[in-house]
C-alpha atoms as a PDB file:
ATOM      1  CA  UNK A   1       0.000   0.000   0.000  1.00  0.00           C
ATOM      2  CA  UNK A   2       2.920   2.314  -0.597  1.00  0.00           C
ATOM      3  CA  UNK A   3       2.202   5.529  -2.455  1.00  0.00           C
ATOM      4  CA  UNK A   4       4.705   4.399  -5.080  1.00  0.00           C
ATOM      5  CA  UNK A   5       2.244   1.887  -6.532  1.00  0.00           C
ATOM      6  CA  UNK A   6      -0.776   4.047  -5.696  1.00  0.00           C
ATOM      7  CA  UNK A   7       0.657   6.575  -8.133  1.00  0.00           C
ATOM      8  CA  UNK A   8       0.823   3.821 -10.753  1.00  0.00           C
ATOM      9  CA  UNK A   9      -2.866   3.042 -10.225  1.00  0.00           C
ATOM     10  CA  UNK A  10      -3.801   6.699 -10.591  1.00  0.00           C
ATOM     11  CA  UNK A  11      -1.803   7.105 -13.777  1.00  0.00           C
ATOM     12  CA  UNK A  12      -2.973   3.806 -15.332  1.00  0.00           C
ATOM     13  CA  UNK A  13      -6.660   4.493 -14.662  1.00  0.00           C
ATOM     14  CA  UNK A  14      -6.496   8.016 -16.032  1.00  0.00           C
ATOM     15  CA  UNK A  15      -4.518   7.002 -19.116  1.00  0.00           C
ATOM     16  CA  UNK A  16      -7.091   4.304 -19.901  1.00  0.00           C
ATOM     17  CA  UNK A  17     -10.001   6.701 -19.433  1.00  0.00           C
ATOM     18  CA  UNK A  18      -8.385   9.267 -21.712  1.00  0.00           C
ATOM     19  CA  UNK A  19      -7.586   6.610 -24.334  1.00  0.00           C
ATOM     20  CA  UNK A  20     -11.178   5.344 -24.338  1.00  0.00           C
ATOM     21  CA  UNK A  21     -13.037   8.649 -24.138  1.00  0.00           C
ATOM     22  CA  UNK A  22     -10.617  11.038 -25.801  1.00  0.00           C
ATOM     23  CA  UNK A  23     -10.106  14.728 -25.351  1.00  0.00           C
ATOM     24  CA  UNK A  24      -9.547  15.908 -21.803  1.00  0.00           C
ATOM     25  CA  UNK A  25     -11.393  12.989 -20.198  1.00  0.00           C
ATOM     26  CA  UNK A  26     -10.074  11.789 -16.853  1.00  0.00           C
ATOM     27  CA  UNK A  27     -11.288   9.436 -14.150  1.00  0.00           C
ATOM     28  CA  UNK A  28     -13.922  10.520 -11.646  1.00  0.00           C
ATOM     29  CA  UNK A  29     -12.477   8.719  -8.630  1.00  0.00           C
ATOM     30  CA  UNK A  30     -11.904   8.891  -4.910  1.00  0.00           C
ATOM     31  CA  UNK A  31      -8.511   7.983  -3.426  1.00  0.00           C
ATOM     32  CA  UNK A  32      -8.052   7.107   0.236  1.00  0.00           C
ATOM     33  CA  UNK A  33      -4.353   6.935   1.024  1.00  0.00           C
ATOM     34  CA  UNK A  34      -3.312   5.468   4.364  1.00  0.00           C
ATOM     35  CA  UNK A  35      -0.160   5.616   6.466  1.00  0.00           C
ATOM     36  CA  UNK A  36       1.628   2.568   5.087  1.00  0.00           C
ATOM     37  CA  UNK A  37       3.943   2.382   8.107  1.00  0.00           C
ATOM     38  CA  UNK A  38       0.941   1.716  10.339  1.00  0.00           C
ATOM     39  CA  UNK A  39      -0.330  -1.052   8.059  1.00  0.00           C
ATOM     40  CA  UNK A  40       3.119  -2.666   7.892  1.00  0.00           C
ATOM     41  CA  UNK A  41       3.275  -2.694  11.693  1.00  0.00           C
ATOM     42  CA  UNK A  42      -0.028  -4.597  11.813  1.00  0.00           C
ATOM     43  CA  UNK A  43       1.211  -7.060   9.178  1.00  0.00           C
ATOM     44  CA  UNK A  44       4.399  -7.748  11.123  1.00  0.00           C
ATOM     45  CA  UNK A  45       2.396  -8.249  14.317  1.00  0.00           C
ATOM     46  CA  UNK A  46      -0.042 -10.609  12.619  1.00  0.00           C
ATOM     47  CA  UNK A  47      -2.931  -8.299  13.542  1.00  0.00           C
ATOM     48  CA  UNK A  48      -4.892  -8.833  10.380  1.00  0.00           C
ATOM     49  CA  UNK A  49      -8.084  -8.178  12.332  1.00  0.00           C
ATOM     50  CA  UNK A  50      -6.999  -4.608  13.052  1.00  0.00           C
ATOM     51  CA  UNK A  51      -5.790  -4.153   9.478  1.00  0.00           C
ATOM     52  CA  UNK A  52      -9.179  -5.328   8.234  1.00  0.00           C
ATOM     53  CA  UNK A  53     -10.947  -2.889  10.539  1.00  0.00           C
ATOM     54  CA  UNK A  54      -8.801  -0.016   9.277  1.00  0.00           C
ATOM     55  CA  UNK A  55      -9.457  -0.816   5.617  1.00  0.00           C
ATOM     56  CA  UNK A  56     -13.146  -1.475   6.239  1.00  0.00           C
ATOM     57  CA  UNK A  57     -13.470   1.961   7.824  1.00  0.00           C
ATOM     58  CA  UNK A  58     -11.646   3.528   4.874  1.00  0.00           C
ATOM     59  CA  UNK A  59     -13.890   1.719   2.383  1.00  0.00           C
ATOM     60  CA  UNK A  60     -17.034   2.767   4.226  1.00  0.00           C
ATOM     61  CA  UNK A  61     -15.881   6.367   4.100  1.00  0.00           C
ATOM     62  CA  UNK A  62     -15.353   6.134   0.347  1.00  0.00           C
ATOM     63  CA  UNK A  63     -18.856   4.759  -0.128  1.00  0.00           C
ATOM     64  CA  UNK A  64     -20.320   7.588   1.939  1.00  0.00           C
ATOM     65  CA  UNK A  65     -18.415   9.980  -0.295  1.00  0.00           C
ATOM     66  CA  UNK A  66     -20.018   8.451  -3.383  1.00  0.00           C
ATOM     67  CA  UNK A  67     -17.785   5.577  -4.541  1.00  0.00           C
ATOM     68  CA  UNK A  68     -19.595   3.054  -6.728  1.00  0.00           C
ATOM     69  CA  UNK A  69     -16.985   0.321  -6.336  1.00  0.00           C
ATOM     70  CA  UNK A  70     -13.905  -0.350  -4.212  1.00  0.00           C
ATOM     71  CA  UNK A  71     -10.356  -1.395  -5.089  1.00  0.00           C
ATOM     72  CA  UNK A  72      -7.843  -2.401  -2.447  1.00  0.00           C
ATOM     73  CA  UNK A  73      -4.688  -1.239  -4.233  1.00  0.00           C
ATOM     74  CA  UNK A  74      -2.454  -3.990  -2.886  1.00  0.00           C
ATOM     75  CA  UNK A  75      -2.351  -7.756  -3.223  1.00  0.00           C
ATOM     76  CA  UNK A  76      -1.408  -8.637   0.351  1.00  0.00           C
ATOM     77  CA  UNK A  77      -4.347  -6.869   1.958  1.00  0.00           C
ATOM     78  CA  UNK A  78      -6.765  -8.949  -0.099  1.00  0.00           C
ATOM     79  CA  UNK A  79      -6.270 -11.375   2.754  1.00  0.00           C
ATOM     80  CA  UNK A  80      -9.006  -9.276   4.416  1.00  0.00           C
ATOM     81  CA  UNK A  81     -10.944  -8.425   1.249  1.00  0.00           C
ATOM     82  CA  UNK A  82     -14.154 -10.198   2.197  1.00  0.00           C
ATOM     83  CA  UNK A  83     -14.518  -8.198   5.391  1.00  0.00           C
ATOM     84  CA  UNK A  84     -13.786  -4.964   3.572  1.00  0.00           C
ATOM     85  CA  UNK A  85     -16.363  -5.818   0.902  1.00  0.00           C
ATOM     86  CA  UNK A  86     -19.040  -6.470   3.517  1.00  0.00           C
ATOM     87  CA  UNK A  87     -18.341  -3.123   5.157  1.00  0.00           C
ATOM     88  CA  UNK A  88     -18.367  -1.295   1.843  1.00  0.00           C
ATOM     89  CA  UNK A  89     -21.726  -2.619   0.573  1.00  0.00           C
ATOM     90  CA  UNK A  90     -20.711  -1.836  -3.031  1.00  0.00           C
ATOM     91  CA  UNK A  91     -18.820  -4.092  -5.451  1.00  0.00           C
ATOM     92  CA  UNK A  92     -15.217  -4.813  -4.531  1.00  0.00           C
ATOM     93  CA  UNK A  93     -13.073  -5.627  -7.547  1.00  0.00           C
ATOM     94  CA  UNK A  94     -10.933  -8.489  -6.251  1.00  0.00           C
ATOM     95  CA  UNK A  95      -7.388  -8.439  -7.583  1.00  0.00           C
ATOM     96  CA  UNK A  96      -7.007 -12.240  -7.506  1.00  0.00           C
ATOM     97  CA  UNK A  97     -10.109 -12.677  -9.663  1.00  0.00           C
ATOM     98  CA  UNK A  98      -8.843 -10.131 -12.172  1.00  0.00           C
ATOM     99  CA  UNK A  99      -5.475 -11.894 -12.427  1.00  0.00           C
ATOM    100  CA  UNK A 100      -7.058 -15.352 -12.531  1.00  0.00           C
ATOM    101  CA  UNK A 101      -9.389 -14.425 -15.367  1.00  0.00           C
ATOM    102  CA  UNK A 102      -6.493 -13.077 -17.409  1.00  0.00           C
ATOM    103  CA  UNK A 103      -4.390 -16.202 -16.839  1.00  0.00           C
ATOM    104  CA  UNK A 104      -7.230 -18.485 -17.891  1.00  0.00           C
ATOM    105  CA  UNK A 105      -7.894 -16.397 -20.995  1.00  0.00           C
ATOM    106  CA  UNK A 106      -4.221 -16.801 -21.915  1.00  0.00           C
ATOM    107  CA  UNK A 107      -4.357 -20.566 -21.405  1.00  0.00           C
ATOM    108  CA  UNK A 108      -1.955 -20.627 -18.468  1.00  0.00           C
ATOM    109  CA  UNK A 109      -2.049 -23.305 -15.781  1.00  0.00           C
ATOM    110  CA  UNK A 110       0.968 -22.995 -13.479  1.00  0.00           C
ATOM    111  CA  UNK A 111       1.958 -19.401 -12.736  1.00  0.00           C
ATOM    112  CA  UNK A 112       4.834 -18.315 -10.539  1.00  0.00           C
ATOM    113  CA  UNK A 113       3.576 -15.985  -7.813  1.00  0.00           C
ATOM    114  CA  UNK A 114       6.014 -13.208  -6.896  1.00  0.00           C
ATOM    115  CA  UNK A 115       4.772 -11.152  -3.978  1.00  0.00           C
ATOM    116  CA  UNK A 116       5.364 -10.234  -0.369  1.00  0.00           C
ATOM    117  CA  UNK A 117       6.187 -13.056   1.987  1.00  0.00           C
ATOM    118  CA  UNK A 118       2.656 -12.786   3.412  1.00  0.00           C
ATOM    119  CA  UNK A 119       1.070 -13.345   0.005  1.00  0.00           C
ATOM    120  CA  UNK A 120       3.456 -16.106  -1.022  1.00  0.00           C
ATOM    121  CA  UNK A 121       3.378 -18.036   2.254  1.00  0.00           C
ATOM    122  CA  UNK A 122      -0.250 -17.673   3.323  1.00  0.00           C
ATOM    123  CA  UNK A 123      -2.827 -19.660   1.406  1.00  0.00           C
ATOM    124  CA  UNK A 124      -5.463 -17.040   0.565  1.00  0.00           C
ATOM    125  CA  UNK A 125      -4.104 -16.063  -2.851  1.00  0.00           C
ATOM    126  CA  UNK A 126      -3.185 -19.493  -4.193  1.00  0.00           C
ATOM    127  CA  UNK A 127      -6.333 -21.079  -2.772  1.00  0.00           C
ATOM    128  CA  UNK A 128      -8.556 -18.568  -4.566  1.00  0.00           C
ATOM    129  CA  UNK A 129      -6.700 -19.090  -7.840  1.00  0.00           C
ATOM    130  CA  UNK A 130      -7.163 -22.839  -7.473  1.00  0.00           C
ATOM    131  CA  UNK A 131     -10.790 -22.798  -6.333  1.00  0.00           C
ATOM    132  CA  UNK A 132     -12.081 -20.247  -8.822  1.00  0.00           C
ATOM    133  CA  UNK A 133      -9.847 -20.772 -11.830  1.00  0.00           C
ATOM    134  CA  UNK A 134      -8.204 -24.176 -11.524  1.00  0.00           C
ATOM    135  CA  UNK A 135      -4.740 -22.613 -11.436  1.00  0.00           C
ATOM    136  CA  UNK A 136      -1.857 -24.165  -9.512  1.00  0.00           C
ATOM    137  CA  UNK A 137       0.325 -21.219  -8.562  1.00  0.00           C
ATOM    138  CA  UNK A 138       3.814 -21.941  -7.304  1.00  0.00           C
ATOM    139  CA  UNK A 139       6.099 -19.807  -5.147  1.00  0.00           C
ATOM    140  CA  UNK A 140       9.899 -19.570  -4.963  1.00  0.00           C
ATOM    141  CA  UNK A 141      12.046 -21.471  -2.487  1.00  0.00           C
ATOM    142  CA  UNK A 142      12.403 -19.992   1.012  1.00  0.00           C
ATOM    143  CA  UNK A 143      15.623 -18.060   0.380  1.00  0.00           C
ATOM    144  CA  UNK A 144      14.242 -16.595  -2.819  1.00  0.00           C
ATOM    145  CA  UNK A 145      10.966 -15.677  -1.100  1.00  0.00           C
ATOM    146  CA  UNK A 146      12.983 -13.727   1.441  1.00  0.00           C
ATOM    147  CA  UNK A 147      14.867 -11.847  -1.270  1.00  0.00           C
ATOM    148  CA  UNK A 148      11.694 -11.042  -3.209  1.00  0.00           C
ATOM    149  CA  UNK A 149      10.011  -9.762  -0.038  1.00  0.00           C
ATOM    150  CA  UNK A 150      12.968  -7.664   1.121  1.00  0.00           C
ATOM    151  CA  UNK A 151      13.383  -5.986  -2.248  1.00  0.00           C
ATOM    152  CA  UNK A 152       9.727  -4.968  -2.182  1.00  0.00           C
ATOM    153  CA  UNK A 153       9.821  -3.395   1.275  1.00  0.00           C
ATOM    154  CA  UNK A 154      13.394  -2.114   1.462  1.00  0.00           C
ATOM    155  CA  UNK A 155      13.614  -0.771  -2.086  1.00  0.00           C
ATOM    156  CA  UNK A 156      10.488  -0.600  -4.248  1.00  0.00           C
ATOM    157  CA  UNK A 157       8.195   0.805  -1.548  1.00  0.00           C
ATOM    158  CA  UNK A 158      10.827   3.518  -1.069  1.00  0.00           C
ATOM    159  CA  UNK A 159      11.080   4.316  -4.772  1.00  0.00           C
ATOM    160  CA  UNK A 160      14.442   2.576  -5.189  1.00  0.00           C
ATOM    161  CA  UNK A 161      14.882   0.530  -8.380  1.00  0.00           C
ATOM    162  CA  UNK A 162      18.210  -1.325  -8.684  1.00  0.00           C
ATOM    163  CA  UNK A 163      19.511  -3.350 -11.614  1.00  0.00           C
ATOM    164  CA  UNK A 164      20.968  -5.891  -9.187  1.00  0.00           C
ATOM    165  CA  UNK A 165      17.518  -6.490  -7.710  1.00  0.00           C
ATOM    166  CA  UNK A 166      16.022  -6.853 -11.172  1.00  0.00           C
ATOM    167  CA  UNK A 167      18.582  -9.554 -11.934  1.00  0.00           C
ATOM    168  CA  UNK A 168      17.719 -11.299  -8.649  1.00  0.00           C
ATOM    169  CA  UNK A 169      14.088 -11.467  -9.715  1.00  0.00           C
ATOM    170  CA  UNK A 170      15.060 -12.663 -13.187  1.00  0.00           C
ATOM    171  CA  UNK A 171      17.047 -15.482 -11.603  1.00  0.00           C
ATOM    172  CA  UNK A 172      13.999 -16.500  -9.571  1.00  0.00           C
ATOM    173  CA  UNK A 173      11.819 -16.471 -12.681  1.00  0.00           C
ATOM    174  CA  UNK A 174      14.297 -18.583 -14.645  1.00  0.00           C
ATOM    175  CA  UNK A 175      14.498 -21.122 -11.816  1.00  0.00           C
ATOM    176  CA  UNK A 176      10.696 -21.386 -11.763  1.00  0.00           C
ATOM    177  CA  UNK A 177      10.575 -21.821 -15.539  1.00  0.00           C
ATOM    178  CA  UNK A 178      12.965 -24.743 -15.186  1.00  0.00           C
ATOM    179  CA  UNK A 179      10.524 -26.261 -12.669  1.00  0.00           C
ATOM    180  CA  UNK A 180       7.549 -25.971 -15.024  1.00  0.00           C
ATOM    181  CA  UNK A 181       6.098 -22.510 -14.392  1.00  0.00           C
ATOM    182  CA  UNK A 182       4.330 -21.229 -17.513  1.00  0.00           C
ATOM    183  CA  UNK A 183       3.822 -17.583 -16.504  1.00  0.00           C
ATOM    184  CA  UNK A 184       4.603 -14.987 -13.827  1.00  0.00           C
ATOM    185  CA  UNK A 185       2.191 -13.091 -11.600  1.00  0.00           C
ATOM    186  CA  UNK A 186       3.569  -9.776 -10.371  1.00  0.00           C
ATOM    187  CA  UNK A 187       1.553 -10.299  -7.208  1.00  0.00           C
ATOM    188  CA  UNK A 188       2.654  -7.188  -5.396  1.00  0.00           C
ATOM    189  CA  UNK A 189       1.599  -3.838  -6.783  1.00  0.00           C
ATOM    190  CA  UNK A 190       5.141  -2.445  -6.539  1.00  0.00           C
ATOM    191  CA  UNK A 191       6.881  -5.187  -8.539  1.00  0.00           C
ATOM    192  CA  UNK A 192       5.840  -3.624 -11.833  1.00  0.00           C
ATOM    193  CA  UNK A 193       8.229  -0.788 -10.996  1.00  0.00           C
ATOM    194  CA  UNK A 194      11.069  -3.305 -11.349  1.00  0.00           C
ATOM    195  CA  UNK A 195      10.013  -6.128 -13.667  1.00  0.00           C
ATOM    196  CA  UNK A 196       8.532  -5.858 -17.152  1.00  0.00           C
ATOM    197  CA  UNK A 197       7.810  -8.336 -19.913  1.00  0.00           C
ATOM    198  CA  UNK A 198      11.203  -7.616 -21.475  1.00  0.00           C
ATOM    199  CA  UNK A 199      12.867  -8.939 -18.306  1.00  0.00           C
ATOM    200  CA  UNK A 200      11.142 -12.328 -18.342  1.00  0.00           C
ATOM    201  CA  UNK A 201      11.279 -15.389 -20.557  1.00  0.00           C
ATOM    202  CA  UNK A 202       7.779 -16.235 -19.281  1.00  0.00           C
ATOM    203  CA  UNK A 203       4.592 -14.232 -19.933  1.00  0.00           C
ATOM    204  CA  UNK A 204       4.191 -11.577 -17.236  1.00  0.00           C
ATOM    205  CA  UNK A 205       0.836 -10.667 -15.674  1.00  0.00           C
ATOM    206  CA  UNK A 206       1.092  -7.362 -13.816  1.00  0.00           C
ATOM    207  CA  UNK A 207      -1.603  -7.308 -11.135  1.00  0.00           C
ATOM    208  CA  UNK A 208      -1.466  -3.518 -10.825  1.00  0.00           C
ATOM    209  CA  UNK A 209      -2.184  -2.815 -14.485  1.00  0.00           C
ATOM    210  CA  UNK A 210      -4.819  -5.546 -14.698  1.00  0.00           C
ATOM    211  CA  UNK A 211      -6.584  -4.254 -11.577  1.00  0.00           C
ATOM    212  CA  UNK A 212      -6.555  -0.681 -12.865  1.00  0.00           C
ATOM    213  CA  UNK A 213      -8.005  -1.814 -16.188  1.00  0.00           C
ATOM    214  CA  UNK A 214     -10.748  -3.732 -14.382  1.00  0.00           C
ATOM    215  CA  UNK A 215     -11.741  -0.542 -12.550  1.00  0.00           C
ATOM    216  CA  UNK A 216     -12.154   1.279 -15.846  1.00  0.00           C
ATOM    217  CA  UNK A 217     -14.043  -1.687 -17.324  1.00  0.00           C
ATOM    218  CA  UNK A 218     -16.419  -1.527 -14.357  1.00  0.00           C
ATOM    219  CA  UNK A 219     -16.968   2.192 -14.797  1.00  0.00           C
ATOM    220  CA  UNK A 220     -17.702   1.638 -18.493  1.00  0.00           C
ATOM    221  CA  UNK A 221     -20.214  -1.071 -17.668  1.00  0.00           C
ATOM    222  CA  UNK A 222     -18.254  -3.883 -19.311  1.00  0.00           C
ATOM    223  CA  UNK A 223     -17.330  -5.634 -16.053  1.00  0.00           C
ATOM    224  CA  UNK A 224     -19.902  -7.079 -13.653  1.00  0.00           C
ATOM    225  CA  UNK A 225     -18.892  -7.623 -10.019  1.00  0.00           C
ATOM    226  CA  UNK A 226     -20.895  -9.040  -7.109  1.00  0.00           C
ATOM    227  CA  UNK A 227     -21.690  -6.544  -4.365  1.00  0.00           C
ATOM    228  CA  UNK A 228     -19.912  -8.650  -1.713  1.00  0.00           C
ATOM    229  CA  UNK A 229     -16.786 -10.747  -2.261  1.00  0.00           C
ATOM    230  CA  UNK A 230     -17.312 -14.505  -1.838  1.00  0.00           C
END
Protein backbone atom coordinates (compact mmCIF):
# COMPACT_ATOMS: atom_id res chain seq x y z
CA UNK A 1 0.00 0.00 0.00
CA UNK A 2 2.92 2.31 -0.60
CA UNK A 3 2.20 5.53 -2.45
CA UNK A 4 4.71 4.40 -5.08
CA UNK A 5 2.24 1.89 -6.53
CA UNK A 6 -0.78 4.05 -5.70
CA UNK A 7 0.66 6.57 -8.13
CA UNK A 8 0.82 3.82 -10.75
CA UNK A 9 -2.87 3.04 -10.22
CA UNK A 10 -3.80 6.70 -10.59
CA UNK A 11 -1.80 7.10 -13.78
CA UNK A 12 -2.97 3.81 -15.33
CA UNK A 13 -6.66 4.49 -14.66
CA UNK A 14 -6.50 8.02 -16.03
CA UNK A 15 -4.52 7.00 -19.12
CA UNK A 16 -7.09 4.30 -19.90
CA UNK A 17 -10.00 6.70 -19.43
CA UNK A 18 -8.38 9.27 -21.71
CA UNK A 19 -7.59 6.61 -24.33
CA UNK A 20 -11.18 5.34 -24.34
CA UNK A 21 -13.04 8.65 -24.14
CA UNK A 22 -10.62 11.04 -25.80
CA UNK A 23 -10.11 14.73 -25.35
CA UNK A 24 -9.55 15.91 -21.80
CA UNK A 25 -11.39 12.99 -20.20
CA UNK A 26 -10.07 11.79 -16.85
CA UNK A 27 -11.29 9.44 -14.15
CA UNK A 28 -13.92 10.52 -11.65
CA UNK A 29 -12.48 8.72 -8.63
CA UNK A 30 -11.90 8.89 -4.91
CA UNK A 31 -8.51 7.98 -3.43
CA UNK A 32 -8.05 7.11 0.24
CA UNK A 33 -4.35 6.94 1.02
CA UNK A 34 -3.31 5.47 4.36
CA UNK A 35 -0.16 5.62 6.47
CA UNK A 36 1.63 2.57 5.09
CA UNK A 37 3.94 2.38 8.11
CA UNK A 38 0.94 1.72 10.34
CA UNK A 39 -0.33 -1.05 8.06
CA UNK A 40 3.12 -2.67 7.89
CA UNK A 41 3.27 -2.69 11.69
CA UNK A 42 -0.03 -4.60 11.81
CA UNK A 43 1.21 -7.06 9.18
CA UNK A 44 4.40 -7.75 11.12
CA UNK A 45 2.40 -8.25 14.32
CA UNK A 46 -0.04 -10.61 12.62
CA UNK A 47 -2.93 -8.30 13.54
CA UNK A 48 -4.89 -8.83 10.38
CA UNK A 49 -8.08 -8.18 12.33
CA UNK A 50 -7.00 -4.61 13.05
CA UNK A 51 -5.79 -4.15 9.48
CA UNK A 52 -9.18 -5.33 8.23
CA UNK A 53 -10.95 -2.89 10.54
CA UNK A 54 -8.80 -0.02 9.28
CA UNK A 55 -9.46 -0.82 5.62
CA UNK A 56 -13.15 -1.47 6.24
CA UNK A 57 -13.47 1.96 7.82
CA UNK A 58 -11.65 3.53 4.87
CA UNK A 59 -13.89 1.72 2.38
CA UNK A 60 -17.03 2.77 4.23
CA UNK A 61 -15.88 6.37 4.10
CA UNK A 62 -15.35 6.13 0.35
CA UNK A 63 -18.86 4.76 -0.13
CA UNK A 64 -20.32 7.59 1.94
CA UNK A 65 -18.41 9.98 -0.29
CA UNK A 66 -20.02 8.45 -3.38
CA UNK A 67 -17.79 5.58 -4.54
CA UNK A 68 -19.59 3.05 -6.73
CA UNK A 69 -16.99 0.32 -6.34
CA UNK A 70 -13.91 -0.35 -4.21
CA UNK A 71 -10.36 -1.39 -5.09
CA UNK A 72 -7.84 -2.40 -2.45
CA UNK A 73 -4.69 -1.24 -4.23
CA UNK A 74 -2.45 -3.99 -2.89
CA UNK A 75 -2.35 -7.76 -3.22
CA UNK A 76 -1.41 -8.64 0.35
CA UNK A 77 -4.35 -6.87 1.96
CA UNK A 78 -6.77 -8.95 -0.10
CA UNK A 79 -6.27 -11.37 2.75
CA UNK A 80 -9.01 -9.28 4.42
CA UNK A 81 -10.94 -8.43 1.25
CA UNK A 82 -14.15 -10.20 2.20
CA UNK A 83 -14.52 -8.20 5.39
CA UNK A 84 -13.79 -4.96 3.57
CA UNK A 85 -16.36 -5.82 0.90
CA UNK A 86 -19.04 -6.47 3.52
CA UNK A 87 -18.34 -3.12 5.16
CA UNK A 88 -18.37 -1.30 1.84
CA UNK A 89 -21.73 -2.62 0.57
CA UNK A 90 -20.71 -1.84 -3.03
CA UNK A 91 -18.82 -4.09 -5.45
CA UNK A 92 -15.22 -4.81 -4.53
CA UNK A 93 -13.07 -5.63 -7.55
CA UNK A 94 -10.93 -8.49 -6.25
CA UNK A 95 -7.39 -8.44 -7.58
CA UNK A 96 -7.01 -12.24 -7.51
CA UNK A 97 -10.11 -12.68 -9.66
CA UNK A 98 -8.84 -10.13 -12.17
CA UNK A 99 -5.47 -11.89 -12.43
CA UNK A 100 -7.06 -15.35 -12.53
CA UNK A 101 -9.39 -14.43 -15.37
CA UNK A 102 -6.49 -13.08 -17.41
CA UNK A 103 -4.39 -16.20 -16.84
CA UNK A 104 -7.23 -18.49 -17.89
CA UNK A 105 -7.89 -16.40 -21.00
CA UNK A 106 -4.22 -16.80 -21.91
CA UNK A 107 -4.36 -20.57 -21.40
CA UNK A 108 -1.95 -20.63 -18.47
CA UNK A 109 -2.05 -23.31 -15.78
CA UNK A 110 0.97 -23.00 -13.48
CA UNK A 111 1.96 -19.40 -12.74
CA UNK A 112 4.83 -18.32 -10.54
CA UNK A 113 3.58 -15.99 -7.81
CA UNK A 114 6.01 -13.21 -6.90
CA UNK A 115 4.77 -11.15 -3.98
CA UNK A 116 5.36 -10.23 -0.37
CA UNK A 117 6.19 -13.06 1.99
CA UNK A 118 2.66 -12.79 3.41
CA UNK A 119 1.07 -13.34 0.01
CA UNK A 120 3.46 -16.11 -1.02
CA UNK A 121 3.38 -18.04 2.25
CA UNK A 122 -0.25 -17.67 3.32
CA UNK A 123 -2.83 -19.66 1.41
CA UNK A 124 -5.46 -17.04 0.56
CA UNK A 125 -4.10 -16.06 -2.85
CA UNK A 126 -3.19 -19.49 -4.19
CA UNK A 127 -6.33 -21.08 -2.77
CA UNK A 128 -8.56 -18.57 -4.57
CA UNK A 129 -6.70 -19.09 -7.84
CA UNK A 130 -7.16 -22.84 -7.47
CA UNK A 131 -10.79 -22.80 -6.33
CA UNK A 132 -12.08 -20.25 -8.82
CA UNK A 133 -9.85 -20.77 -11.83
CA UNK A 134 -8.20 -24.18 -11.52
CA UNK A 135 -4.74 -22.61 -11.44
CA UNK A 136 -1.86 -24.17 -9.51
CA UNK A 137 0.32 -21.22 -8.56
CA UNK A 138 3.81 -21.94 -7.30
CA UNK A 139 6.10 -19.81 -5.15
CA UNK A 140 9.90 -19.57 -4.96
CA UNK A 141 12.05 -21.47 -2.49
CA UNK A 142 12.40 -19.99 1.01
CA UNK A 143 15.62 -18.06 0.38
CA UNK A 144 14.24 -16.59 -2.82
CA UNK A 145 10.97 -15.68 -1.10
CA UNK A 146 12.98 -13.73 1.44
CA UNK A 147 14.87 -11.85 -1.27
CA UNK A 148 11.69 -11.04 -3.21
CA UNK A 149 10.01 -9.76 -0.04
CA UNK A 150 12.97 -7.66 1.12
CA UNK A 151 13.38 -5.99 -2.25
CA UNK A 152 9.73 -4.97 -2.18
CA UNK A 153 9.82 -3.40 1.28
CA UNK A 154 13.39 -2.11 1.46
CA UNK A 155 13.61 -0.77 -2.09
CA UNK A 156 10.49 -0.60 -4.25
CA UNK A 157 8.19 0.80 -1.55
CA UNK A 158 10.83 3.52 -1.07
CA UNK A 159 11.08 4.32 -4.77
CA UNK A 160 14.44 2.58 -5.19
CA UNK A 161 14.88 0.53 -8.38
CA UNK A 162 18.21 -1.32 -8.68
CA UNK A 163 19.51 -3.35 -11.61
CA UNK A 164 20.97 -5.89 -9.19
CA UNK A 165 17.52 -6.49 -7.71
CA UNK A 166 16.02 -6.85 -11.17
CA UNK A 167 18.58 -9.55 -11.93
CA UNK A 168 17.72 -11.30 -8.65
CA UNK A 169 14.09 -11.47 -9.72
CA UNK A 170 15.06 -12.66 -13.19
CA UNK A 171 17.05 -15.48 -11.60
CA UNK A 172 14.00 -16.50 -9.57
CA UNK A 173 11.82 -16.47 -12.68
CA UNK A 174 14.30 -18.58 -14.64
CA UNK A 175 14.50 -21.12 -11.82
CA UNK A 176 10.70 -21.39 -11.76
CA UNK A 177 10.57 -21.82 -15.54
CA UNK A 178 12.96 -24.74 -15.19
CA UNK A 179 10.52 -26.26 -12.67
CA UNK A 180 7.55 -25.97 -15.02
CA UNK A 181 6.10 -22.51 -14.39
CA UNK A 182 4.33 -21.23 -17.51
CA UNK A 183 3.82 -17.58 -16.50
CA UNK A 184 4.60 -14.99 -13.83
CA UNK A 185 2.19 -13.09 -11.60
CA UNK A 186 3.57 -9.78 -10.37
CA UNK A 187 1.55 -10.30 -7.21
CA UNK A 188 2.65 -7.19 -5.40
CA UNK A 189 1.60 -3.84 -6.78
CA UNK A 190 5.14 -2.45 -6.54
CA UNK A 191 6.88 -5.19 -8.54
CA UNK A 192 5.84 -3.62 -11.83
CA UNK A 193 8.23 -0.79 -11.00
CA UNK A 194 11.07 -3.30 -11.35
CA UNK A 195 10.01 -6.13 -13.67
CA UNK A 196 8.53 -5.86 -17.15
CA UNK A 197 7.81 -8.34 -19.91
CA UNK A 198 11.20 -7.62 -21.48
CA UNK A 199 12.87 -8.94 -18.31
CA UNK A 200 11.14 -12.33 -18.34
CA UNK A 201 11.28 -15.39 -20.56
CA UNK A 202 7.78 -16.24 -19.28
CA UNK A 203 4.59 -14.23 -19.93
CA UNK A 204 4.19 -11.58 -17.24
CA UNK A 205 0.84 -10.67 -15.67
CA UNK A 206 1.09 -7.36 -13.82
CA UNK A 207 -1.60 -7.31 -11.13
CA UNK A 208 -1.47 -3.52 -10.83
CA UNK A 209 -2.18 -2.81 -14.49
CA UNK A 210 -4.82 -5.55 -14.70
CA UNK A 211 -6.58 -4.25 -11.58
CA UNK A 212 -6.55 -0.68 -12.86
CA UNK A 213 -8.00 -1.81 -16.19
CA UNK A 214 -10.75 -3.73 -14.38
CA UNK A 215 -11.74 -0.54 -12.55
CA UNK A 216 -12.15 1.28 -15.85
CA UNK A 217 -14.04 -1.69 -17.32
CA UNK A 218 -16.42 -1.53 -14.36
CA UNK A 219 -16.97 2.19 -14.80
CA UNK A 220 -17.70 1.64 -18.49
CA UNK A 221 -20.21 -1.07 -17.67
CA UNK A 222 -18.25 -3.88 -19.31
CA UNK A 223 -17.33 -5.63 -16.05
CA UNK A 224 -19.90 -7.08 -13.65
CA UNK A 225 -18.89 -7.62 -10.02
CA UNK A 226 -20.89 -9.04 -7.11
CA UNK A 227 -21.69 -6.54 -4.36
CA UNK A 228 -19.91 -8.65 -1.71
CA UNK A 229 -16.79 -10.75 -2.26
CA UNK A 230 -17.31 -14.50 -1.84
